[in-house]
Amino acid sequence: MTKQMTRDARKGKITMTGGKLTSERGEKISAVEGLRLTPRMEAVLLETRGRPGDERRAAIKAHFRSKIVS
């Protein structure tokens, strides 16, 4: 996948095309910043892998709500 830089002269914005923020890229960025997932959050993300974003967010919210109430 090649990345291309485009510039919109009217808006003055420069954008990159051809790159997606995937889980793997996000993990690499977090590692550089010194961030890592807790075991609890990692388990929630692993069990919801492959589901649509809305379902994953709902599962994460439900998991943390149940921990707060308990």
N, C-alpha and C. Protein backbone atom coordinates (compact mmCIF):
# COMPACT_ATOMS: atom_id res chain seq x y z
N MET A 1 0.85 -1.16 0.00
CA MET A 1 0.00 0.00 0.00
C MET A 1 0.90 1.23 0.00
N THR A 2 0.69 2.09 -0.96
CA THR A 2 1.50 3.29 -1.03
C THR A 2 0.70 4.46 -0.45
N LYS A 3 1.41 5.29 0.24
CA LYS A 3 0.78 6.48 0.81
C LYS A 3 1.05 7.65 -0.10
N GLN A 4 0.04 8.48 -0.25
CA GLN A 4 0.19 9.67 -1.06
C GLN A 4 -0.22 10.88 -0.24
N MET A 5 0.52 11.97 -0.42
CA MET A 5 0.20 13.20 0.27
C MET A 5 -0.48 14.12 -0.72
N THR A 6 -1.63 14.67 -0.30
CA THR A 6 -2.33 15.62 -1.15
C THR A 6 -2.50 16.91 -0.37
N ARG A 7 -2.56 18.00 -1.10
CA ARG A 7 -2.70 19.32 -0.48
C ARG A 7 -3.89 20.03 -1.10
N ASP A 8 -4.78 20.50 -0.25
CA ASP A 8 -5.93 21.28 -0.70
C ASP A 8 -5.57 22.75 -0.56
N ALA A 9 -5.36 23.42 -1.66
CA ALA A 9 -4.91 24.82 -1.64
C ALA A 9 -5.95 25.75 -1.04
N ARG A 10 -7.23 25.45 -1.25
CA ARG A 10 -8.28 26.32 -0.72
C ARG A 10 -8.40 26.22 0.79
N LYS A 11 -8.31 24.99 1.31
CA LYS A 11 -8.46 24.79 2.75
C LYS A 11 -7.13 24.85 3.49
N GLY A 12 -6.03 24.70 2.76
CA GLY A 12 -4.72 24.74 3.39
C GLY A 12 -4.40 23.49 4.17
N LYS A 13 -5.05 22.38 3.83
CA LYS A 13 -4.83 21.13 4.56
C LYS A 13 -3.99 20.16 3.74
N ILE A 14 -3.16 19.43 4.44
CA ILE A 14 -2.38 18.36 3.82
C ILE A 14 -2.90 17.06 4.40
N THR A 15 -3.23 16.10 3.54
CA THR A 15 -3.76 14.83 4.01
C THR A 15 -2.95 13.68 3.43
N MET A 16 -2.91 12.59 4.18
CA MET A 16 -2.27 11.37 3.72
C MET A 16 -3.37 10.38 3.37
N THR A 17 -3.21 9.71 2.25
CA THR A 17 -4.16 8.69 1.86
C THR A 17 -3.45 7.35 1.80
N GLY A 18 -4.21 6.28 1.94
CA GLY A 18 -3.64 4.95 1.81
C GLY A 18 -3.25 4.30 3.12
N GLY A 19 -3.49 4.94 4.24
CA GLY A 19 -3.12 4.34 5.52
C GLY A 19 -4.33 4.21 6.43
N LYS A 20 -4.43 3.07 7.09
CA LYS A 20 -5.51 2.84 8.05
C LYS A 20 -4.91 2.65 9.42
N LEU A 21 -5.64 3.05 10.44
CA LEU A 21 -5.21 2.80 11.80
C LEU A 21 -5.79 1.44 12.21
N THR A 22 -4.98 0.42 12.11
CA THR A 22 -5.40 -0.93 12.48
C THR A 22 -5.00 -1.20 13.92
N SER A 23 -5.45 -2.33 14.44
CA SER A 23 -5.09 -2.72 15.81
C SER A 23 -3.57 -2.83 15.95
N GLU A 24 -2.94 -3.42 14.95
CA GLU A 24 -1.50 -3.61 15.00
C GLU A 24 -0.76 -2.27 15.02
N ARG A 25 -1.19 -1.35 14.17
CA ARG A 25 -0.55 -0.03 14.14
C ARG A 25 -0.79 0.71 15.44
N GLY A 26 -2.01 0.58 15.98
CA GLY A 26 -2.32 1.21 17.26
C GLY A 26 -1.46 0.68 18.38
N GLU A 27 -1.23 -0.64 18.38
CA GLU A 27 -0.37 -1.25 19.40
C GLU A 27 1.06 -0.74 19.30
N LYS A 28 1.55 -0.57 18.07
CA LYS A 28 2.91 -0.06 17.88
C LYS A 28 3.04 1.38 18.38
N ILE A 29 2.04 2.19 18.08
CA ILE A 29 2.05 3.58 18.54
C ILE A 29 2.02 3.62 20.06
N SER A 30 1.17 2.82 20.66
CA SER A 30 1.07 2.77 22.12
C SER A 30 2.37 2.31 22.75
N ALA A 31 3.03 1.34 22.14
CA ALA A 31 4.29 0.84 22.67
C ALA A 31 5.35 1.94 22.69
N VAL A 32 5.38 2.75 21.65
CA VAL A 32 6.34 3.85 21.58
C VAL A 32 6.05 4.85 22.70
N GLU A 33 4.78 5.06 22.98
CA GLU A 33 4.38 6.01 24.03
C GLU A 33 4.51 5.41 25.43
N GLY A 34 4.79 4.10 25.51
CA GLY A 34 4.92 3.45 26.81
C GLY A 34 3.59 3.02 27.42
N LEU A 35 2.56 2.92 26.59
CA LEU A 35 1.24 2.52 27.07
C LEU A 35 1.01 1.05 26.78
N ARG A 36 0.28 0.38 27.68
CA ARG A 36 -0.09 -1.00 27.41
C ARG A 36 -1.43 -1.28 28.06
N LEU A 37 -2.13 -2.29 27.55
CA LEU A 37 -3.44 -2.65 28.07
C LEU A 37 -3.31 -3.40 29.38
N THR A 38 -4.30 -3.22 30.24
CA THR A 38 -4.35 -4.02 31.45
C THR A 38 -4.82 -5.42 31.04
N PRO A 39 -4.51 -6.43 31.83
CA PRO A 39 -4.98 -7.78 31.48
C PRO A 39 -6.50 -7.85 31.34
N ARG A 40 -7.20 -7.09 32.17
CA ARG A 40 -8.67 -7.08 32.12
C ARG A 40 -9.17 -6.53 30.80
N MET A 41 -8.61 -5.41 30.36
CA MET A 41 -9.03 -4.80 29.10
C MET A 41 -8.61 -5.65 27.91
N GLU A 42 -7.44 -6.26 27.99
CA GLU A 42 -6.98 -7.13 26.92
C GLU A 42 -7.93 -8.31 26.73
N ALA A 43 -8.43 -8.87 27.84
CA ALA A 43 -9.36 -9.99 27.77
C ALA A 43 -10.67 -9.57 27.10
N VAL A 44 -11.17 -8.40 27.44
CA VAL A 44 -12.42 -7.90 26.83
C VAL A 44 -12.23 -7.70 25.33
N LEU A 45 -11.11 -7.12 24.94
CA LEU A 45 -10.87 -6.88 23.52
C LEU A 45 -10.69 -8.18 22.74
N LEU A 46 -10.03 -9.16 23.35
CA LEU A 46 -9.84 -10.44 22.67
C LEU A 46 -11.17 -11.18 22.48
N GLU A 47 -12.03 -11.11 23.47
CA GLU A 47 -13.31 -11.83 23.34
C GLU A 47 -14.27 -11.15 22.37
N THR A 48 -14.06 -9.86 22.09
CA THR A 48 -14.93 -9.14 21.16
C THR A 48 -14.29 -8.92 19.80
N ARG A 49 -13.12 -9.50 19.57
CA ARG A 49 -12.42 -9.32 18.29
C ARG A 49 -13.29 -9.84 17.14
N GLY A 50 -13.35 -9.06 16.08
CA GLY A 50 -14.11 -9.45 14.90
C GLY A 50 -15.54 -8.92 14.89
N ARG A 51 -15.99 -8.39 16.01
CA ARG A 51 -17.35 -7.83 16.06
C ARG A 51 -17.32 -6.39 15.57
N PRO A 52 -18.48 -5.88 15.14
CA PRO A 52 -18.55 -4.48 14.72
C PRO A 52 -18.23 -3.54 15.89
N GLY A 53 -17.82 -2.34 15.59
CA GLY A 53 -17.42 -1.37 16.60
C GLY A 53 -18.48 -1.09 17.65
N ASP A 54 -19.74 -0.97 17.22
CA ASP A 54 -20.81 -0.69 18.19
C ASP A 54 -20.95 -1.82 19.20
N GLU A 55 -20.86 -3.06 18.73
CA GLU A 55 -20.96 -4.21 19.64
C GLU A 55 -19.78 -4.25 20.60
N ARG A 56 -18.60 -3.93 20.11
CA ARG A 56 -17.41 -3.94 20.97
C ARG A 56 -17.53 -2.87 22.05
N ARG A 57 -17.96 -1.67 21.66
CA ARG A 57 -18.11 -0.60 22.64
C ARG A 57 -19.16 -0.96 23.68
N ALA A 58 -20.27 -1.57 23.26
CA ALA A 58 -21.32 -1.97 24.19
C ALA A 58 -20.79 -3.03 25.17
N ALA A 59 -20.00 -3.97 24.67
CA ALA A 59 -19.44 -5.01 25.54
C ALA A 59 -18.47 -4.42 26.55
N ILE A 60 -17.67 -3.46 26.12
CA ILE A 60 -16.72 -2.82 27.03
C ILE A 60 -17.46 -2.05 28.12
N LYS A 61 -18.49 -1.29 27.71
CA LYS A 61 -19.29 -0.54 28.69
C LYS A 61 -19.95 -1.49 29.68
N ALA A 62 -20.53 -2.57 29.17
CA ALA A 62 -21.21 -3.52 30.05
C ALA A 62 -20.23 -4.16 31.03
N HIS A 63 -19.04 -4.47 30.56
CA HIS A 63 -18.03 -5.09 31.42
C HIS A 63 -17.63 -4.15 32.56
N PHE A 64 -17.39 -2.91 32.23
CA PHE A 64 -16.97 -1.97 33.28
C PHE A 64 -18.11 -1.54 34.18
N ARG A 65 -19.33 -1.49 33.66
CA ARG A 65 -20.48 -1.20 34.52
C ARG A 65 -20.68 -2.30 35.55
N SER A 66 -20.52 -3.55 35.11
CA SER A 66 -20.73 -4.66 36.05
C SER A 66 -19.67 -4.66 37.13
N LYS A 67 -18.45 -4.22 36.82
CA LYS A 67 -17.39 -4.15 37.83
C LYS A 67 -17.65 -3.03 38.83
N ILE A 68 -18.24 -1.93 38.38
CA ILE A 68 -18.50 -0.79 39.26
C ILE A 68 -19.65 -1.12 40.22
N VAL A 69 -20.70 -1.75 39.68
CA VAL A 69 -21.89 -2.08 40.48
C VAL A 69 -21.57 -3.16 41.49
N SER A 70 -20.77 -4.15 41.11
CA SER A 70 -20.49 -5.28 41.99
C SER A 70 -19.72 -4.90 43.24
